[in-house]
Amino acid sequence: MTSFYFKAVASDGKVRTGTLTAESDRIVAQELRKQGLTPIYVGLEKKSSFEFRLPSFGGGRRRDVLFFTQELSTLLNAGVPLDRALTITSELTERSQFRTVVLDILRILKGGKSLADSLAAYPSYFSDLYINMVRAGEASGSLAIVFERLAEFERTRDDLKNYIISSMVYPTLLALVGMGSIFVLLNFVVPRFAAVFEESRMAMPLPTRILLEASRIVRTYAWMAFAAAAALAALLKAYVGTASGRLWWDSFRLAIPVLGDALRKAETARFARAMGTLVANGVPLVQSLNIARAILNNRKIAGSLESVAQGVKRGEGISGPLRRAGQFPPLAAHLLSVGEETGRLDQMFHRMADIYETETKDAIKRFTSLFEPVVILVMGVLVGALILSMLLAITSINDVAV
């Protein structure tokens, strides 16, 4: 038997904390429900629900929104009134900055504004999709269900983004370490051998002469190369900040072999998850497309949704215009065509999101499985060439000595 710490909400909306002894956390949660309490956190240590629910990667604001959505979903589904649910959420929030945001939302709400309008006061936290979903939930009287779906949307989006980031950490680190090793060899190690070779006044092998010249260039012009690279990066960043530059950059990324395919599938999954969430809550299709367009990261793909929206306005449905847009995988249009025929477009969007989230992970795995051995091979060849060049020179010195 183990002692578990719990945090739960009572029927009066107040937070209850304490400990229960049971065989597992699941049994503790069941016991709390029997007592009329809604469990928020059950664990071995006194962790806040904020710490318990957050993923490892990602921005602070996104984590705050995920926490906010999960807590409101739990509380509203437990029958806690909205104003009381916001008060409890502010009490559970450990980040003082976000606590101020939640309390201000509560203040605006009590001033007579709707929850959607209250959230709209903080566009840096809550996206158009989020606000429109909440507005649709208020209009249909299904706010608890909306927050449950929003929590799932935020969670799956974070999971996919975190997977991509964690998958790219190792190959990126590998490339940086390899380039750093070569720089150290050329800048510090090779010059020591160069002094020995110059004192011997012997004819050095061609690979060694190339190595010494490369070392001289690195020591002489490395700072200029770094400055030029920094300037180029700054110029590229400024250009990408423009509308035309962003479109060029996003188009370029999609054209990269293997990686471009993964990015396209990731955007398709993001689009499908957003559309499924919006359509399921009664947001009009054209409005859903405009909202989904705003949350996509790739401007090339997002721009194609304008023609899709125009096709929907003309009464052509969504599958045909999406196919003609040419920016989404062919399977996406076929799935939506089935959804239109069966009248289950929202379910098909969610199914499409599940498919492409899985395919995105598979595509990232393929990319890393190709990228890692390529980096290892290139670094191995370069380092091997450096070592071989030095060994040839040392061997030549020994031959002269003999």
Protein backbone atom coordinates (compact mmCIF):
# COMPACT_ATOMS: atom_id res chain seq x y z
CA MET A 1 0.00 0.00 0.00
CA THR A 2 1.28 3.46 -0.94
CA SER A 3 0.33 6.91 0.32
CA PHE A 4 -0.76 9.21 -2.54
CA TYR A 5 -1.13 12.97 -2.41
CA PHE A 6 -4.23 14.31 -4.15
CA LYS A 7 -5.77 17.62 -5.22
CA ALA A 8 -9.48 17.59 -6.08
CA VAL A 9 -12.47 19.89 -6.53
CA ALA A 10 -15.59 19.51 -4.38
CA SER A 11 -19.16 20.12 -5.51
CA ASP A 12 -19.04 23.62 -3.99
CA GLY A 13 -16.11 24.47 -6.24
CA LYS A 14 -13.50 24.49 -3.48
CA VAL A 15 -10.15 22.73 -3.83
CA ARG A 16 -9.47 19.84 -1.46
CA THR A 17 -6.01 18.42 -0.80
CA GLY A 18 -4.78 15.52 1.29
CA THR A 19 -3.41 12.00 1.17
CA LEU A 20 -4.97 8.56 0.69
CA THR A 21 -3.40 5.13 1.03
CA ALA A 22 -4.11 2.70 -1.80
CA GLU A 23 -2.47 0.22 -4.15
CA SER A 24 -2.45 2.61 -7.12
CA ASP A 25 -3.29 6.17 -8.14
CA ARG A 26 -6.23 4.84 -10.18
CA ILE A 27 -7.86 3.43 -7.02
CA VAL A 28 -7.32 6.80 -5.29
CA ALA A 29 -9.05 8.60 -8.17
CA GLN A 30 -11.98 6.16 -7.99
CA GLU A 31 -12.30 6.69 -4.24
CA LEU A 32 -12.32 10.47 -4.68
CA ARG A 33 -15.12 10.22 -7.23
CA LYS A 34 -17.14 8.09 -4.81
CA GLN A 35 -16.78 10.92 -2.30
CA GLY A 36 -18.16 13.41 -4.83
CA LEU A 37 -14.77 14.95 -5.59
CA THR A 38 -13.27 15.55 -9.03
CA PRO A 39 -9.54 14.63 -8.97
CA ILE A 40 -7.18 17.15 -10.53
CA TYR A 41 -3.89 15.56 -9.49
CA VAL A 42 -2.96 12.27 -7.86
CA GLY A 43 0.69 11.43 -7.29
CA LEU A 44 3.40 10.34 -4.90
CA GLU A 45 4.68 13.89 -4.36
CA LYS A 46 3.06 17.26 -3.79
CA LYS A 47 3.38 18.46 -7.34
CA SER A 48 1.14 21.13 -8.78
CA SER A 49 -1.11 20.15 -11.65
CA PHE A 50 0.83 22.69 -13.69
CA GLU A 51 4.07 20.76 -13.29
CA PHE A 52 2.39 17.41 -13.73
CA ARG A 53 0.73 18.19 -17.03
CA LEU A 54 3.41 20.04 -18.92
CA PRO A 55 5.51 18.60 -21.75
CA SER A 56 9.25 18.91 -21.73
CA PHE A 57 9.65 21.28 -24.64
CA GLY A 58 7.89 24.38 -25.86
CA GLY A 59 7.26 28.00 -24.99
CA GLY A 60 5.97 29.18 -21.64
CA ARG A 61 2.84 30.78 -23.06
CA ARG A 62 1.85 27.63 -24.90
CA ARG A 63 2.28 25.62 -21.70
CA ASP A 64 0.19 28.16 -19.82
CA VAL A 65 -2.62 27.84 -22.36
CA LEU A 66 -2.47 24.05 -22.20
CA PHE A 67 -2.67 24.13 -18.41
CA PHE A 68 -5.53 26.67 -18.51
CA THR A 69 -7.49 24.57 -21.01
CA GLN A 70 -7.00 21.30 -19.16
CA GLU A 71 -8.05 22.76 -15.84
CA LEU A 72 -11.14 24.48 -17.23
CA SER A 73 -12.10 21.28 -19.06
CA THR A 74 -11.86 19.29 -15.82
CA LEU A 75 -13.72 21.85 -13.73
CA LEU A 76 -16.51 22.61 -16.20
CA ASN A 77 -17.15 18.92 -16.81
CA ALA A 78 -17.42 18.54 -13.02
CA GLY A 79 -20.24 21.09 -13.03
CA VAL A 80 -18.27 23.97 -11.48
CA PRO A 81 -19.64 27.39 -12.56
CA LEU A 82 -17.45 29.30 -15.04
CA ASP A 83 -16.49 32.17 -12.76
CA ARG A 84 -15.62 29.77 -9.95
CA ALA A 85 -13.65 27.58 -12.38
CA LEU A 86 -11.59 30.59 -13.45
CA THR A 87 -10.95 31.50 -9.81
CA ILE A 88 -9.75 27.96 -9.04
CA THR A 89 -7.57 27.96 -12.15
CA SER A 90 -5.93 31.21 -11.03
CA GLU A 91 -5.25 29.67 -7.62
CA LEU A 92 -3.69 26.56 -9.17
CA THR A 93 -1.49 28.59 -11.51
CA GLU A 94 2.02 28.94 -10.14
CA ARG A 95 3.29 31.36 -12.81
CA SER A 96 2.48 34.81 -11.45
CA GLN A 97 2.35 36.40 -14.89
CA PHE A 98 -0.28 33.99 -16.16
CA ARG A 99 -2.21 34.20 -12.86
CA THR A 100 -2.60 37.92 -13.57
CA VAL A 101 -3.91 37.09 -17.04
CA VAL A 102 -6.51 34.64 -15.70
CA LEU A 103 -7.68 37.09 -13.03
CA ASP A 104 -8.03 39.84 -15.62
CA ILE A 105 -10.06 37.50 -17.85
CA LEU A 106 -12.29 36.83 -14.85
CA ARG A 107 -12.63 40.58 -14.25
CA ILE A 108 -13.66 41.21 -17.88
CA LEU A 109 -16.11 38.30 -17.71
CA LYS A 110 -17.75 39.68 -14.56
CA GLY A 111 -17.98 43.05 -16.32
CA GLY A 112 -20.54 41.57 -18.69
CA LYS A 113 -18.41 40.34 -21.60
CA SER A 114 -18.58 36.82 -22.93
CA LEU A 115 -15.74 34.39 -22.22
CA ALA A 116 -14.65 34.52 -25.87
CA ASP A 117 -14.42 38.32 -25.77
CA SER A 118 -12.58 38.12 -22.45
CA LEU A 119 -10.00 35.74 -23.94
CA ALA A 120 -9.68 37.97 -27.03
CA ALA A 121 -8.12 40.63 -24.78
CA TYR A 122 -4.98 38.44 -24.76
CA PRO A 123 -4.27 37.51 -28.41
CA SER A 124 -0.68 36.60 -27.57
CA TYR A 125 -2.03 33.71 -25.48
CA PHE A 126 -5.24 32.69 -27.23
CA SER A 127 -5.38 32.18 -31.00
CA ASP A 128 -8.29 32.93 -33.33
CA LEU A 129 -9.06 29.21 -33.39
CA TYR A 130 -9.25 29.11 -29.60
CA ILE A 131 -11.47 32.17 -29.32
CA ASN A 132 -13.84 31.07 -32.09
CA MET A 133 -14.14 27.63 -30.54
CA VAL A 134 -15.07 29.16 -27.20
CA ARG A 135 -17.57 31.50 -28.90
CA ALA A 136 -19.19 28.52 -30.63
CA GLY A 137 -19.33 26.65 -27.32
CA GLU A 138 -21.01 29.56 -25.59
CA ALA A 139 -23.58 29.87 -28.37
CA SER A 140 -24.41 26.15 -28.30
CA GLY A 141 -24.27 25.76 -24.52
CA SER A 142 -21.52 23.14 -24.76
CA LEU A 143 -18.59 25.03 -23.26
CA ALA A 144 -17.40 22.06 -21.22
CA ILE A 145 -17.19 19.87 -24.34
CA VAL A 146 -15.42 22.63 -26.25
CA PHE A 147 -12.71 22.94 -23.61
CA GLU A 148 -12.31 19.17 -23.59
CA ARG A 149 -11.73 19.23 -27.35
CA LEU A 150 -9.45 22.25 -27.10
CA ALA A 151 -7.40 20.46 -24.45
CA GLU A 152 -7.02 17.49 -26.76
CA PHE A 153 -6.10 19.80 -29.65
CA GLU A 154 -3.46 21.65 -27.63
CA ARG A 155 -2.07 18.39 -26.24
CA THR A 156 -1.73 16.64 -29.60
CA ARG A 157 -0.21 19.74 -31.19
CA ASP A 158 2.37 19.96 -28.39
CA ASP A 159 3.12 16.24 -28.57
CA LEU A 160 3.85 16.44 -32.30
CA LYS A 161 5.99 19.56 -31.98
CA ASN A 162 7.94 18.10 -29.06
CA TYR A 163 8.53 14.89 -30.99
CA ILE A 164 9.96 16.82 -33.95
CA ILE A 165 12.22 18.92 -31.72
CA SER A 166 13.50 15.96 -29.70
CA SER A 167 14.15 13.95 -32.88
CA MET A 168 16.28 16.75 -34.36
CA VAL A 169 18.34 17.46 -31.24
CA TYR A 170 20.78 14.56 -31.63
CA PRO A 171 21.64 14.92 -35.35
CA THR A 172 22.01 18.71 -34.94
CA LEU A 173 24.28 18.25 -31.92
CA LEU A 174 26.25 15.63 -33.83
CA ALA A 175 26.86 18.02 -36.74
CA LEU A 176 27.89 20.87 -34.41
CA VAL A 177 30.32 18.66 -32.48
CA GLY A 178 31.82 17.37 -35.73
CA MET A 179 32.37 20.86 -37.15
CA GLY A 180 33.76 22.03 -33.81
CA SER A 181 36.23 19.13 -33.75
CA ILE A 182 37.49 19.94 -37.24
CA PHE A 183 37.87 23.62 -36.32
CA VAL A 184 39.90 22.74 -33.19
CA LEU A 185 42.15 20.43 -35.19
CA LEU A 186 42.83 22.99 -37.89
CA ASN A 187 43.20 25.93 -35.54
CA PHE A 188 45.22 24.43 -32.67
CA VAL A 189 46.54 20.93 -33.43
CA VAL A 190 47.78 21.19 -37.02
CA PRO A 191 49.83 24.38 -36.43
CA ARG A 192 51.97 22.51 -33.86
CA PHE A 193 52.82 19.90 -36.47
CA ALA A 194 53.45 22.62 -39.04
CA ALA A 195 56.31 24.02 -36.94
CA VAL A 196 57.97 20.60 -36.88
CA PHE A 197 57.58 20.18 -40.65
CA GLU A 198 59.05 23.61 -41.34
CA GLU A 199 62.12 22.91 -39.18
CA SER A 200 62.80 19.69 -41.05
CA ARG A 201 62.91 21.60 -44.38
CA MET A 202 61.74 18.50 -46.20
CA ALA A 203 59.41 18.18 -49.15
CA MET A 204 56.00 17.42 -47.64
CA PRO A 205 53.46 15.13 -49.32
CA LEU A 206 50.64 16.83 -51.23
CA PRO A 207 47.89 15.89 -48.67
CA THR A 208 50.00 17.45 -45.91
CA ARG A 209 50.54 20.66 -47.90
CA ILE A 210 46.79 20.89 -48.47
CA LEU A 211 46.17 20.33 -44.76
CA LEU A 212 48.65 23.03 -43.73
CA GLU A 213 47.18 25.49 -46.21
CA ALA A 214 43.67 24.74 -44.94
CA SER A 215 44.89 25.34 -41.39
CA ARG A 216 46.47 28.67 -42.42
CA ILE A 217 43.25 29.80 -44.11
CA VAL A 218 41.18 28.87 -41.06
CA ARG A 219 43.51 30.71 -38.66
CA THR A 220 43.72 33.76 -40.88
CA TYR A 221 40.20 34.11 -42.19
CA ALA A 222 38.01 32.26 -39.66
CA TRP A 223 36.84 35.46 -38.00
CA MET A 224 35.95 36.91 -41.41
CA ALA A 225 33.98 33.77 -42.26
CA PHE A 226 32.10 33.93 -38.95
CA ALA A 227 31.35 37.63 -39.48
CA ALA A 228 30.16 36.98 -43.04
CA ALA A 229 28.00 34.07 -41.85
CA ALA A 230 26.47 36.24 -39.11
CA ALA A 231 25.78 39.04 -41.59
CA LEU A 232 24.27 36.61 -44.06
CA ALA A 233 22.08 35.11 -41.33
CA ALA A 234 20.92 38.59 -40.30
CA LEU A 235 20.10 39.51 -43.91
CA LEU A 236 18.29 36.21 -44.42
CA LYS A 237 16.29 36.73 -41.24
CA ALA A 238 15.33 40.25 -42.34
CA TYR A 239 14.29 38.99 -45.78
CA VAL A 240 12.31 36.09 -44.35
CA GLY A 241 10.54 38.64 -42.18
CA THR A 242 8.96 40.12 -45.31
CA ALA A 243 5.92 38.53 -46.98
CA SER A 244 7.77 37.59 -50.16
CA GLY A 245 10.80 36.34 -48.22
CA ARG A 246 8.68 34.16 -45.95
CA LEU A 247 6.92 32.67 -48.97
CA TRP A 248 10.28 31.92 -50.64
CA TRP A 249 11.70 30.37 -47.46
CA ASP A 250 8.66 28.18 -46.86
CA SER A 251 8.67 27.05 -50.51
CA PHE A 252 12.39 26.25 -50.25
CA ARG A 253 11.88 24.15 -47.12
CA LEU A 254 9.13 22.13 -48.80
CA ALA A 255 11.49 21.38 -51.70
CA ILE A 256 14.17 19.80 -49.46
CA PRO A 257 14.23 16.02 -50.04
CA VAL A 258 12.81 13.93 -47.18
CA LEU A 259 12.61 16.92 -44.79
CA GLY A 260 10.16 18.75 -47.06
CA ASP A 261 7.87 15.72 -47.05
CA ALA A 262 7.92 15.65 -43.25
CA LEU A 263 7.12 19.36 -43.04
CA ARG A 264 4.22 19.01 -45.48
CA LYS A 265 2.73 16.15 -43.49
CA ALA A 266 3.17 18.05 -40.22
CA GLU A 267 1.27 21.03 -41.67
CA THR A 268 -1.42 18.71 -43.02
CA ALA A 269 -1.85 17.20 -39.56
CA ARG A 270 -2.04 20.67 -37.98
CA PHE A 271 -4.62 21.78 -40.58
CA ALA A 272 -6.74 18.67 -40.16
CA ARG A 273 -6.69 18.78 -36.36
CA ALA A 274 -7.75 22.45 -36.37
CA MET A 275 -10.49 21.89 -38.95
CA GLY A 276 -11.82 18.83 -37.15
CA THR A 277 -12.00 20.74 -33.88
CA LEU A 278 -13.73 23.75 -35.48
CA VAL A 279 -16.19 21.89 -37.70
CA ALA A 280 -17.21 19.56 -34.85
CA ASN A 281 -18.28 22.60 -32.86
CA GLY A 282 -20.42 24.16 -35.56
CA VAL A 283 -18.03 26.80 -36.88
CA PRO A 284 -18.90 27.44 -40.58
CA LEU A 285 -16.59 25.75 -43.07
CA VAL A 286 -15.34 28.93 -44.76
CA GLN A 287 -14.68 30.57 -41.42
CA SER A 288 -12.90 27.41 -40.24
CA LEU A 289 -10.65 27.51 -43.31
CA ASN A 290 -9.72 31.13 -42.63
CA ILE A 291 -8.91 30.34 -39.00
CA ALA A 292 -6.90 27.23 -39.93
CA ARG A 293 -5.03 29.28 -42.52
CA ALA A 294 -3.92 31.71 -39.81
CA ILE A 295 -2.47 29.01 -37.53
CA LEU A 296 -0.40 27.20 -40.19
CA ASN A 297 3.34 27.84 -40.03
CA ASN A 298 4.04 27.40 -43.74
CA ARG A 299 2.85 30.39 -45.79
CA LYS A 300 3.00 28.43 -49.06
CA ILE A 301 0.49 25.88 -47.79
CA ALA A 302 -1.56 28.49 -45.93
CA GLY A 303 -1.85 30.60 -49.09
CA SER A 304 -3.37 27.69 -50.99
CA LEU A 305 -6.31 27.63 -48.55
CA GLU A 306 -7.60 30.90 -50.00
CA SER A 307 -8.51 29.15 -53.25
CA VAL A 308 -10.01 26.29 -51.23
CA ALA A 309 -12.24 28.76 -49.36
CA GLN A 310 -13.32 30.32 -52.64
CA GLY A 311 -14.24 26.88 -53.97
CA VAL A 312 -16.31 26.17 -50.86
CA LYS A 313 -18.12 29.49 -51.33
CA ARG A 314 -18.98 28.45 -54.91
CA GLY A 315 -20.57 25.28 -53.57
CA GLU A 316 -17.86 22.91 -54.81
CA GLY A 317 -17.31 21.29 -51.40
CA ILE A 318 -13.85 21.08 -49.90
CA SER A 319 -12.26 17.93 -51.33
CA GLY A 320 -12.17 19.14 -54.96
CA PRO A 321 -10.67 22.59 -54.25
CA LEU A 322 -8.18 21.02 -51.81
CA ARG A 323 -7.04 18.60 -54.50
CA ARG A 324 -6.63 21.42 -57.04
CA ALA A 325 -4.64 23.49 -54.55
CA GLY A 326 -1.83 20.94 -54.94
CA GLN A 327 -0.22 21.59 -51.56
CA PHE A 328 -1.67 18.70 -49.55
CA PRO A 329 -0.96 14.97 -49.93
CA PRO A 330 -3.37 13.22 -52.37
CA LEU A 331 -4.83 11.03 -49.64
CA ALA A 332 -6.15 14.10 -47.82
CA ALA A 333 -8.57 15.00 -50.62
CA HIS A 334 -9.80 11.39 -50.88
CA LEU A 335 -10.47 11.22 -47.14
CA LEU A 336 -12.42 14.49 -47.21
CA SER A 337 -14.38 13.30 -50.24
CA VAL A 338 -15.50 10.29 -48.21
CA GLY A 339 -16.33 12.58 -45.30
CA GLU A 340 -18.53 14.75 -47.54
CA GLU A 341 -20.34 11.71 -48.95
CA THR A 342 -21.03 10.24 -45.51
CA GLY A 343 -21.84 13.54 -43.81
CA ARG A 344 -19.05 12.99 -41.25
CA LEU A 345 -16.59 15.64 -42.28
CA ASP A 346 -15.52 16.45 -38.71
CA GLN A 347 -14.70 12.81 -37.97
CA MET A 348 -12.79 12.50 -41.23
CA PHE A 349 -10.73 15.58 -40.38
CA HIS A 350 -9.78 14.00 -37.05
CA ARG A 351 -9.00 10.72 -38.80
CA MET A 352 -6.86 12.62 -41.29
CA ALA A 353 -5.02 14.34 -38.43
CA ASP A 354 -4.29 10.99 -36.76
CA ILE A 355 -2.96 9.57 -40.04
CA TYR A 356 -0.65 12.47 -40.81
CA GLU A 357 0.62 12.86 -37.27
CA THR A 358 1.74 9.24 -37.47
CA GLU A 359 3.19 9.77 -40.96
CA THR A 360 4.99 12.91 -39.78
CA LYS A 361 6.72 10.91 -37.06
CA ASP A 362 7.62 8.22 -39.60
CA ALA A 363 8.97 10.87 -42.01
CA ILE A 364 11.07 12.46 -39.24
CA LYS A 365 12.43 9.01 -38.37
CA ARG A 366 13.38 8.48 -42.02
CA PHE A 367 15.06 11.88 -42.17
CA THR A 368 17.09 11.33 -39.00
CA SER A 369 17.97 7.78 -40.06
CA LEU A 370 19.46 9.26 -43.25
CA PHE A 371 20.90 12.43 -41.76
CA GLU A 372 22.77 10.84 -38.86
CA PRO A 373 24.87 8.37 -40.90
CA VAL A 374 25.57 11.05 -43.53
CA VAL A 375 26.87 13.41 -40.84
CA ILE A 376 28.92 10.62 -39.25
CA LEU A 377 30.34 9.61 -42.65
CA VAL A 378 31.25 13.16 -43.69
CA MET A 379 32.82 13.98 -40.32
CA GLY A 380 34.65 10.65 -40.31
CA VAL A 381 36.08 11.25 -43.79
CA LEU A 382 37.21 14.78 -42.94
CA VAL A 383 38.78 13.85 -39.61
CA GLY A 384 40.33 10.75 -41.19
CA ALA A 385 41.81 12.86 -43.97
CA LEU A 386 43.32 15.24 -41.41
CA ILE A 387 44.89 12.41 -39.43
CA LEU A 388 46.13 10.65 -42.58
CA SER A 389 47.78 13.85 -43.83
CA MET A 390 49.65 14.28 -40.55
CA LEU A 391 50.69 10.61 -40.48
CA LEU A 392 52.07 10.88 -44.03
CA ALA A 393 54.20 13.86 -42.99
CA ILE A 394 55.45 12.07 -39.85
CA THR A 395 56.31 9.01 -41.90
CA SER A 396 58.21 11.16 -44.38
CA ILE A 397 60.26 12.72 -41.56
CA ASN A 398 61.12 9.25 -40.22
CA ASP A 399 62.22 8.15 -43.70
CA VAL A 400 64.53 11.15 -44.00
CA ALA A 401 65.97 10.45 -40.53
CA VAL A 402 66.74 6.87 -41.52
